[in-house]
Amino acid sequence: MVEALQAWLSDGKHLAFLAGLIVLLYLARDAAHRLLRAVFLLVARTLRLVERWIGFGAVAAKARYERLTSGMKEAELQPRLPDEMRDVHRLVERQGPHDPKAQAALERLEAHVAEHRQVIQSYGVQLQAIQSSPAPARDVKLGHSTGIGLAFAIVLILAVGIAGWLNFALLERPMAEVVGDSYRIMGVPIYRLAALAIIVLEVAVGIVLLEALGVTTMFPQFERLEQKKGQRLAIIIVMTTALVVLALIEAALALTRDEISRLERELLGTLAGTAPSEAGEAAGAMARYAQAAFGLIIPFALAFLGFAIEALIRNGRVVLQLLLGFILESLSFAVRLLRFLVEGLLAVALAAYDLVIFLPLIVERLVRALLASRAVRSS
């Protein structure tokens, strides 16, 4: 390559062309510099605008995260006094407002409400001070940890997921005998869909039961039943009965699965000419009882999935908001770094352009220095 370049430069026409090109680049230096600055600065300003937009989004996401955490922490400190308020209200209606017991209950309720209000206000002031302070936020112990709540939800979902997988393994084979294995929906055997339907039904019944018991608060409609104890009790009885029936059905299906397996083993043993042993029958009986116990217990375990779903919904949005803020901050940093790179490339491009025409620039500087020295001498 070097030899080819030397051969190309040895030609006088090529040297003349190169010299003319350098002269033209020298004459167009100011215009070329303006063009390069315009292009690179346009890209840099666009990146700066994008960086600001992403930065505003990151700030908004962080503020939203802080509002969510503050709301969750304040919600934990809110007075959980609806039951006490209803009891006091009933007592006042029965005994009258001037009864000593009613007066004492009203005083206790007022003291509890005032105490909780003071606690909430004090923590609210601390949270507002932390949010408005430019210094790094201090950790305020408000009795709530989003990470712990999310970890609890994930662990509970994993545990219930394993239970659901065992449940599916127990239901798959007997459901194949009940609904048949010749039908498919979108390539999935219908007996698998039937087993999944039973599992989903058990989870749904468990969620509704937890809501009716007041353990979880995912559905606001159940709050309307606070004053309707009869309807709430009816829902609890119906859902509990449905869960027990599903557990009994699953236990029966588990026994059916064991019976199918036993018949298959006996058939294979008969074809092989071997008689079943007493040890094998004892092991089969133990497996039968274990499967029945699993089938009876797992539906109640699946009912506790409502705890995990509620914790995942409440804590997951906070964690997702935190992740969104982190992602936006990372994107803003990447865009800022790219903008600095573009500004640095502008200086490199200008220096490279001047490097190409360094001979005319040297001559220009020498001429200017000579003219300046003559002007000084003449003055």
Foldseek 3Di string as FASTA:
>chain_A
DVVVVVVQCVDPVSVVVLVVVLVVLVVCLVVVLVVLCVVLVVLLVVLVVVLVVLVVVLVVLVVVLLVLVLVVLLVVLQDPCPVLVVVLVVVCVVVNCPDPVSVVSVVVVVVSNVVSVVVSVVVVVLSVCQVPDPDHRDDDPSPDDLVVLLVVLVVLCVVLVVLLVVQLVLQQVLLCVVVNQPDDDPNHTVSSVVSVVLLVVLQVLLLQLCVLVVVDDPDCVSVVCPVVVPVSVVSNVVSVVVLQVSLQVQLVSSLVVLVVVVVVVCVVCVVVVHDDDPVVVVVSVVSNVVSSVSSNCSSVSSSVNNSSVRSCVSSVVSVVSVVSSVVSVVVSVVSNVVSVVSVVVSVVVSVVSCVSNVPVVVVVVVVVVVVVVVVVVVD
